[in-house]
PDB file of all heavy atoms in Angstrom:
ATOM      1  N   HIS A   1      13.590  16.439 -39.427  1.00  0.00           N
ATOM      2  CA  HIS A   1      12.657  15.605 -40.130  1.00  0.00           C
ATOM      3  C   HIS A   1      12.260  14.425 -39.202  1.00  0.00           C
ATOM      4  O   HIS A   1      11.308  13.649 -39.569  1.00  0.00           O
ATOM      5  CB  HIS A   1      13.250  15.062 -41.429  1.00  0.00           C
ATOM      6  CG  HIS A   1      13.333  16.143 -42.489  1.00  0.00           C
ATOM      7  ND1 HIS A   1      12.222  16.544 -43.167  1.00  0.00           N
ATOM      8  CD2 HIS A   1      14.322  16.969 -42.820  1.00  0.00           C
ATOM      9  CE1 HIS A   1      12.591  17.504 -44.008  1.00  0.00           C
ATOM     10  NE2 HIS A   1      13.827  17.803 -43.825  1.00  0.00           N
ATOM     11  N   GLN A   2      12.881  14.203 -38.076  1.00  0.00           N
ATOM     12  CA  GLN A   2      12.451  13.232 -37.105  1.00  0.00           C
ATOM     13  C   GLN A   2      11.223  13.665 -36.342  1.00  0.00           C
ATOM     14  O   GLN A   2      10.286  12.892 -36.161  1.00  0.00           O
ATOM     15  CB  GLN A   2      13.588  12.947 -36.110  1.00  0.00           C
ATOM     16  CG  GLN A   2      13.176  12.029 -34.908  1.00  0.00           C
ATOM     17  CD  GLN A   2      14.013  12.401 -33.644  1.00  0.00           C
ATOM     18  OE1 GLN A   2      14.658  13.443 -33.620  1.00  0.00           O
ATOM     19  NE2 GLN A   2      13.854  11.555 -32.673  1.00  0.00           N
ATOM     20  N   ILE A   3      11.177  14.991 -35.981  1.00  0.00           N
ATOM     21  CA  ILE A   3      10.114  15.450 -35.262  1.00  0.00           C
ATOM     22  C   ILE A   3       8.928  16.007 -36.114  1.00  0.00           C
ATOM     23  O   ILE A   3       7.850  16.178 -35.602  1.00  0.00           O
ATOM     24  CB  ILE A   3      10.515  16.514 -34.183  1.00  0.00           C
ATOM     25  CG1 ILE A   3      11.017  17.831 -34.925  1.00  0.00           C
ATOM     26  CG2 ILE A   3      11.588  16.046 -33.298  1.00  0.00           C
ATOM     27  CD1 ILE A   3      11.230  18.990 -34.013  1.00  0.00           C
ATOM     28  N   ALA A   4       9.243  16.227 -37.343  1.00  0.00           N
ATOM     29  CA  ALA A   4       8.206  16.757 -38.298  1.00  0.00           C
ATOM     30  C   ALA A   4       8.351  15.951 -39.552  1.00  0.00           C
ATOM     31  O   ALA A   4       8.855  16.497 -40.583  1.00  0.00           O
ATOM     32  CB  ALA A   4       8.375  18.197 -38.546  1.00  0.00           C
ATOM     33  N   PRO A   5       7.906  14.692 -39.672  1.00  0.00           N
ATOM     34  CA  PRO A   5       8.076  13.882 -40.873  1.00  0.00           C
ATOM     35  C   PRO A   5       7.530  14.471 -42.153  1.00  0.00           C
ATOM     36  O   PRO A   5       8.044  14.258 -43.233  1.00  0.00           O
ATOM     37  CB  PRO A   5       7.374  12.524 -40.495  1.00  0.00           C
ATOM     38  CG  PRO A   5       7.361  12.551 -39.007  1.00  0.00           C
ATOM     39  CD  PRO A   5       7.212  13.984 -38.585  1.00  0.00           C
ATOM     40  N   ALA A   6       6.481  15.274 -42.052  1.00  0.00           N
ATOM     41  CA  ALA A   6       5.808  15.873 -43.240  1.00  0.00           C
ATOM     42  C   ALA A   6       6.215  17.370 -43.288  1.00  0.00           C
ATOM     43  O   ALA A   6       5.443  18.216 -43.778  1.00  0.00           O
ATOM     44  CB  ALA A   6       4.308  15.815 -43.206  1.00  0.00           C
ATOM     45  N   PHE A   7       7.434  17.650 -42.909  1.00  0.00           N
ATOM     46  CA  PHE A   7       7.877  19.056 -42.723  1.00  0.00           C
ATOM     47  C   PHE A   7       7.745  19.866 -44.031  1.00  0.00           C
ATOM     48  O   PHE A   7       7.309  20.996 -43.985  1.00  0.00           O
ATOM     49  CB  PHE A   7       9.373  19.065 -42.236  1.00  0.00           C
ATOM     50  CG  PHE A   7       9.894  20.441 -42.073  1.00  0.00           C
ATOM     51  CD1 PHE A   7       9.420  21.287 -41.127  1.00  0.00           C
ATOM     52  CD2 PHE A   7      10.895  20.901 -42.931  1.00  0.00           C
ATOM     53  CE1 PHE A   7       9.940  22.564 -40.979  1.00  0.00           C
ATOM     54  CE2 PHE A   7      11.422  22.172 -42.772  1.00  0.00           C
ATOM     55  CZ  PHE A   7      10.928  22.996 -41.803  1.00  0.00           C
ATOM     56  N   ASP A   8       8.094  19.255 -45.131  1.00  0.00           N
ATOM     57  CA  ASP A   8       8.089  19.994 -46.413  1.00  0.00           C
ATOM     58  C   ASP A   8       6.730  20.477 -46.861  1.00  0.00           C
ATOM     59  O   ASP A   8       6.577  21.308 -47.750  1.00  0.00           O
ATOM     60  CB  ASP A   8       8.679  19.170 -47.557  1.00  0.00           C
ATOM     61  CG  ASP A   8      10.194  18.967 -47.327  1.00  0.00           C
ATOM     62  OD1 ASP A   8      10.814  19.576 -46.399  1.00  0.00           O
ATOM     63  OD2 ASP A   8      10.832  18.218 -48.115  1.00  0.00           O
ATOM     64  N   SER A   9       5.672  19.940 -46.298  1.00  0.00           N
ATOM     65  CA  SER A   9       4.311  20.362 -46.591  1.00  0.00           C
ATOM     66  C   SER A   9       3.704  21.208 -45.425  1.00  0.00           C
ATOM     67  O   SER A   9       2.476  21.491 -45.483  1.00  0.00           O
ATOM     68  CB  SER A   9       3.379  19.141 -46.904  1.00  0.00           C
ATOM     69  OG  SER A   9       3.345  18.334 -45.748  1.00  0.00           O
ATOM     70  N   SER A  10       4.461  21.525 -44.459  1.00  0.00           N
ATOM     71  CA  SER A  10       4.027  22.240 -43.287  1.00  0.00           C
ATOM     72  C   SER A  10       3.880  23.770 -43.587  1.00  0.00           C
ATOM     73  O   SER A  10       4.602  24.264 -44.540  1.00  0.00           O
ATOM     74  CB  SER A  10       4.907  22.069 -42.076  1.00  0.00           C
ATOM     75  OG  SER A  10       6.138  22.710 -42.289  1.00  0.00           O
ATOM     76  N   GLN A  11       3.060  24.442 -42.830  1.00  0.00           N
ATOM     77  CA  GLN A  11       2.931  25.918 -42.959  1.00  0.00           C
ATOM     78  C   GLN A  11       4.249  26.598 -42.671  1.00  0.00           C
ATOM     79  O   GLN A  11       4.601  27.579 -43.352  1.00  0.00           O
ATOM     80  CB  GLN A  11       1.768  26.390 -42.016  1.00  0.00           C
ATOM     81  CG  GLN A  11       1.520  27.899 -42.093  1.00  0.00           C
ATOM     82  CD  GLN A  11       0.486  28.381 -41.194  1.00  0.00           C
ATOM     83  OE1 GLN A  11      -0.127  27.544 -40.443  1.00  0.00           O
ATOM     84  NE2 GLN A  11       0.244  29.702 -41.170  1.00  0.00           N
ATOM     85  N   TYR A  12       4.988  26.168 -41.689  1.00  0.00           N
ATOM     86  CA  TYR A  12       6.257  26.702 -41.289  1.00  0.00           C
ATOM     87  C   TYR A  12       7.215  26.634 -42.470  1.00  0.00           C
ATOM     88  O   TYR A  12       7.941  27.640 -42.816  1.00  0.00           O
ATOM     89  CB  TYR A  12       6.842  25.985 -40.048  1.00  0.00           C
ATOM     90  CG  TYR A  12       8.156  26.470 -39.652  1.00  0.00           C
ATOM     91  CD1 TYR A  12       8.325  27.783 -39.138  1.00  0.00           C
ATOM     92  CD2 TYR A  12       9.264  25.680 -39.608  1.00  0.00           C
ATOM     93  CE1 TYR A  12       9.514  28.282 -38.592  1.00  0.00           C
ATOM     94  CE2 TYR A  12      10.500  26.154 -39.103  1.00  0.00           C
ATOM     95  CZ  TYR A  12      10.588  27.411 -38.673  1.00  0.00           C
ATOM     96  OH  TYR A  12      11.855  27.881 -38.204  1.00  0.00           O
ATOM     97  N   TYR A  13       7.265  25.519 -43.107  1.00  0.00           N
ATOM     98  CA  TYR A  13       8.177  25.331 -44.303  1.00  0.00           C
ATOM     99  C   TYR A  13       7.726  26.262 -45.436  1.00  0.00           C
ATOM    100  O   TYR A  13       8.530  27.004 -45.960  1.00  0.00           O
ATOM    101  CB  TYR A  13       8.103  23.905 -44.794  1.00  0.00           C
ATOM    102  CG  TYR A  13       8.973  23.738 -46.015  1.00  0.00           C
ATOM    103  CD1 TYR A  13      10.380  23.627 -45.958  1.00  0.00           C
ATOM    104  CD2 TYR A  13       8.395  23.691 -47.299  1.00  0.00           C
ATOM    105  CE1 TYR A  13      11.136  23.436 -47.090  1.00  0.00           C
ATOM    106  CE2 TYR A  13       9.183  23.530 -48.492  1.00  0.00           C
ATOM    107  CZ  TYR A  13      10.563  23.359 -48.313  1.00  0.00           C
ATOM    108  OH  TYR A  13      11.283  23.295 -49.474  1.00  0.00           O
ATOM    109  N   ARG A  14       6.427  26.314 -45.741  1.00  0.00           N
ATOM    110  CA  ARG A  14       5.885  27.104 -46.852  1.00  0.00           C
ATOM    111  C   ARG A  14       6.212  28.539 -46.587  1.00  0.00           C
ATOM    112  O   ARG A  14       6.450  29.284 -47.551  1.00  0.00           O
ATOM    113  CB  ARG A  14       4.401  26.826 -47.064  1.00  0.00           C
ATOM    114  CG  ARG A  14       4.059  25.404 -47.586  1.00  0.00           C
ATOM    115  CD  ARG A  14       2.689  25.354 -48.027  1.00  0.00           C
ATOM    116  NE  ARG A  14       1.739  25.947 -47.220  1.00  0.00           N
ATOM    117  CZ  ARG A  14       1.096  25.238 -46.199  1.00  0.00           C
ATOM    118  NH1 ARG A  14       1.346  23.889 -46.015  1.00  0.00           N
ATOM    119  NH2 ARG A  14       0.152  25.757 -45.445  1.00  0.00           N
ATOM    120  N   GLU A  15       5.939  29.025 -45.401  1.00  0.00           N
ATOM    121  CA  GLU A  15       5.926  30.469 -45.138  1.00  0.00           C
ATOM    122  C   GLU A  15       7.260  30.996 -44.716  1.00  0.00           C
ATOM    123  O   GLU A  15       7.500  32.243 -44.754  1.00  0.00           O
ATOM    124  CB  GLU A  15       4.912  30.809 -44.077  1.00  0.00           C
ATOM    125  CG  GLU A  15       3.490  30.503 -44.561  1.00  0.00           C
ATOM    126  CD  GLU A  15       2.403  30.976 -43.530  1.00  0.00           C
ATOM    127  OE1 GLU A  15       2.783  31.547 -42.514  1.00  0.00           O
ATOM    128  OE2 GLU A  15       1.201  30.685 -43.852  1.00  0.00           O
ATOM    129  N   TYR A  16       8.149  30.196 -44.227  1.00  0.00           N
ATOM    130  CA  TYR A  16       9.461  30.643 -43.715  1.00  0.00           C
ATOM    131  C   TYR A  16      10.667  29.853 -44.159  1.00  0.00           C
ATOM    132  O   TYR A  16      11.555  30.273 -44.803  1.00  0.00           O
ATOM    133  CB  TYR A  16       9.433  30.758 -42.132  1.00  0.00           C
ATOM    134  CG  TYR A  16      10.792  31.095 -41.626  1.00  0.00           C
ATOM    135  CD1 TYR A  16      11.278  32.438 -41.622  1.00  0.00           C
ATOM    136  CD2 TYR A  16      11.594  30.121 -40.984  1.00  0.00           C
ATOM    137  CE1 TYR A  16      12.506  32.675 -41.141  1.00  0.00           C
ATOM    138  CE2 TYR A  16      12.763  30.347 -40.454  1.00  0.00           C
ATOM    139  CZ  TYR A  16      13.287  31.705 -40.484  1.00  0.00           C
ATOM    140  OH  TYR A  16      14.483  32.010 -40.078  1.00  0.00           O
ATOM    141  N   TYR A  17      10.659  28.536 -43.793  1.00  0.00           N
ATOM    142  CA  TYR A  17      11.922  27.759 -43.860  1.00  0.00           C
ATOM    143  C   TYR A  17      12.377  27.601 -45.234  1.00  0.00           C
ATOM    144  O   TYR A  17      13.622  27.582 -45.481  1.00  0.00           O
ATOM    145  CB  TYR A  17      11.663  26.361 -43.235  1.00  0.00           C
ATOM    146  CG  TYR A  17      12.929  25.743 -42.677  1.00  0.00           C
ATOM    147  CD1 TYR A  17      13.364  26.071 -41.386  1.00  0.00           C
ATOM    148  CD2 TYR A  17      13.629  24.812 -43.399  1.00  0.00           C
ATOM    149  CE1 TYR A  17      14.504  25.429 -40.849  1.00  0.00           C
ATOM    150  CE2 TYR A  17      14.763  24.228 -42.883  1.00  0.00           C
ATOM    151  CZ  TYR A  17      15.195  24.546 -41.610  1.00  0.00           C
ATOM    152  OH  TYR A  17      16.345  23.914 -41.042  1.00  0.00           O
ATOM    153  N   ARG A  18      11.486  27.451 -46.255  1.00  0.00           N
ATOM    154  CA  ARG A  18      11.962  27.250 -47.640  1.00  0.00           C
ATOM    155  C   ARG A  18      12.728  28.438 -48.147  1.00  0.00           C
ATOM    156  O   ARG A  18      13.516  28.282 -49.068  1.00  0.00           O
ATOM    157  CB  ARG A  18      10.723  26.950 -48.542  1.00  0.00           C
ATOM    158  CG  ARG A  18       9.813  28.179 -48.721  1.00  0.00           C
ATOM    159  CD  ARG A  18       8.584  27.807 -49.563  1.00  0.00           C
ATOM    160  NE  ARG A  18       9.003  27.538 -50.903  1.00  0.00           N
ATOM    161  CZ  ARG A  18       8.112  27.297 -51.867  1.00  0.00           C
ATOM    162  NH1 ARG A  18       6.805  27.262 -51.601  1.00  0.00           N
ATOM    163  NH2 ARG A  18       8.450  27.103 -53.181  1.00  0.00           N
ATOM    164  N   TYR A  19      12.549  29.610 -47.631  1.00  0.00           N
ATOM    165  CA  TYR A  19      13.198  30.767 -48.079  1.00  0.00           C
ATOM    166  C   TYR A  19      14.506  31.029 -47.300  1.00  0.00           C
ATOM    167  O   TYR A  19      15.317  31.940 -47.668  1.00  0.00           O
ATOM    168  CB  TYR A  19      12.288  32.023 -47.941  1.00  0.00           C
ATOM    169  CG  TYR A  19      10.946  31.909 -48.613  1.00  0.00           C
ATOM    170  CD1 TYR A  19       9.801  31.718 -47.981  1.00  0.00           C
ATOM    171  CD2 TYR A  19      10.958  31.969 -50.080  1.00  0.00           C
ATOM    172  CE1 TYR A  19       8.636  31.535 -48.684  1.00  0.00           C
ATOM    173  CE2 TYR A  19       9.773  31.795 -50.772  1.00  0.00           C
ATOM    174  CZ  TYR A  19       8.617  31.598 -50.041  1.00  0.00           C
ATOM    175  OH  TYR A  19       7.420  31.459 -50.715  1.00  0.00           O
ATOM    176  N   SER A  20      14.754  30.249 -46.221  1.00  0.00           N
ATOM    177  CA  SER A  20      15.973  30.424 -45.499  1.00  0.00           C
ATOM    178  C   SER A  20      17.193  29.888 -46.137  1.00  0.00           C
ATOM    179  O   SER A  20      18.283  30.231 -45.794  1.00  0.00           O
ATOM    180  CB  SER A  20      15.799  29.804 -44.102  1.00  0.00           C
ATOM    181  OG  SER A  20      15.765  28.345 -44.222  1.00  0.00           O
ATOM    182  N   GLY A  21      16.983  28.927 -47.047  1.00  0.00           N
ATOM    183  CA  GLY A  21      18.146  28.301 -47.685  1.00  0.00           C
ATOM    184  C   GLY A  21      18.610  27.076 -46.921  1.00  0.00           C
ATOM    185  O   GLY A  21      19.570  26.387 -47.312  1.00  0.00           O
ATOM    186  N   LEU A  22      18.062  26.838 -45.775  1.00  0.00           N
ATOM    187  CA  LEU A  22      18.438  25.724 -44.961  1.00  0.00           C
ATOM    188  C   LEU A  22      17.598  24.428 -45.369  1.00  0.00           C
ATOM    189  O   LEU A  22      16.521  24.597 -45.794  1.00  0.00           O
ATOM    190  CB  LEU A  22      18.196  26.022 -43.470  1.00  0.00           C
ATOM    191  CG  LEU A  22      18.880  27.268 -42.909  1.00  0.00           C
ATOM    192  CD1 LEU A  22      18.437  27.525 -41.432  1.00  0.00           C
ATOM    193  CD2 LEU A  22      20.384  27.189 -43.031  1.00  0.00           C
ATOM    194  N   HIS A  23      18.189  23.302 -45.067  1.00  0.00           N
ATOM    195  CA  HIS A  23      17.444  22.049 -45.408  1.00  0.00           C
ATOM    196  C   HIS A  23      17.633  20.933 -44.424  1.00  0.00           C
ATOM    197  O   HIS A  23      17.005  19.907 -44.590  1.00  0.00           O
ATOM    198  CB  HIS A  23      17.848  21.613 -46.804  1.00  0.00           C
ATOM    199  CG  HIS A  23      19.214  20.896 -46.862  1.00  0.00           C
ATOM    200  ND1 HIS A  23      19.351  19.614 -47.338  1.00  0.00           N
ATOM    201  CD2 HIS A  23      20.411  21.345 -46.580  1.00  0.00           C
ATOM    202  CE1 HIS A  23      20.610  19.244 -47.296  1.00  0.00           C
ATOM    203  NE2 HIS A  23      21.221  20.320 -46.935  1.00  0.00           N
ATOM    204  N   ASP A  24      18.500  21.061 -43.403  1.00  0.00           N
ATOM    205  CA  ASP A  24      18.680  20.029 -42.427  1.00  0.00           C
ATOM    206  C   ASP A  24      19.078  20.683 -41.139  1.00  0.00           C
ATOM    207  O   ASP A  24      19.871  21.642 -41.196  1.00  0.00           O
ATOM    208  CB  ASP A  24      19.752  19.032 -42.901  1.00  0.00           C
ATOM    209  CG  ASP A  24      19.611  17.707 -42.119  1.00  0.00           C
ATOM    210  OD1 ASP A  24      18.693  17.521 -41.365  1.00  0.00           O
ATOM    211  OD2 ASP A  24      20.475  16.902 -42.269  1.00  0.00           O
ATOM    212  N   GLU A  25      18.574  20.157 -39.991  1.00  0.00           N
ATOM    213  CA  GLU A  25      18.869  20.891 -38.795  1.00  0.00           C
ATOM    214  C   GLU A  25      18.709  19.906 -37.557  1.00  0.00           C
ATOM    215  O   GLU A  25      17.846  19.029 -37.507  1.00  0.00           O
ATOM    216  CB  GLU A  25      17.815  22.006 -38.616  1.00  0.00           C
ATOM    217  CG  GLU A  25      18.014  22.865 -37.360  1.00  0.00           C
ATOM    218  CD  GLU A  25      17.068  24.066 -37.220  1.00  0.00           C
ATOM    219  OE1 GLU A  25      16.364  24.314 -38.265  1.00  0.00           O
ATOM    220  OE2 GLU A  25      17.054  24.692 -36.178  1.00  0.00           O
ATOM    221  N   PHE A  26      19.609  20.128 -36.623  1.00  0.00           N
ATOM    222  CA  PHE A  26      19.515  19.491 -35.324  1.00  0.00           C
ATOM    223  C   PHE A  26      19.270  20.476 -34.267  1.00  0.00           C
ATOM    224  O   PHE A  26      19.742  21.624 -34.344  1.00  0.00           O
ATOM    225  CB  PHE A  26      20.814  18.693 -34.922  1.00  0.00           C
ATOM    226  CG  PHE A  26      21.056  17.394 -35.625  1.00  0.00           C
ATOM    227  CD1 PHE A  26      21.754  17.297 -36.797  1.00  0.00           C
ATOM    228  CD2 PHE A  26      20.463  16.232 -35.084  1.00  0.00           C
ATOM    229  CE1 PHE A  26      21.908  16.031 -37.421  1.00  0.00           C
ATOM    230  CE2 PHE A  26      20.661  15.014 -35.743  1.00  0.00           C
ATOM    231  CZ  PHE A  26      21.355  14.893 -36.853  1.00  0.00           C
ATOM    232  N   ASN A  27      18.558  20.151 -33.192  1.00  0.00           N
ATOM    233  CA  ASN A  27      18.475  20.926 -32.014  1.00  0.00           C
ATOM    234  C   ASN A  27      18.803  20.051 -30.777  1.00  0.00           C
ATOM    235  O   ASN A  27      18.335  18.911 -30.697  1.00  0.00           O
ATOM    236  CB  ASN A  27      16.998  21.488 -31.785  1.00  0.00           C
ATOM    237  CG  ASN A  27      16.853  22.956 -32.393  1.00  0.00           C
ATOM    238  OD1 ASN A  27      16.125  23.715 -31.866  1.00  0.00           O
ATOM    239  ND2 ASN A  27      17.559  23.235 -33.440  1.00  0.00           N
TER     240      ASN A  27
END
């Protein structure tokens, strides 16, 4: 959420991440 502040409204979130069950991540 540091590199993508509007992550929850992003295409990546809508099409993939929301279905992964994950909600927080570091790289």
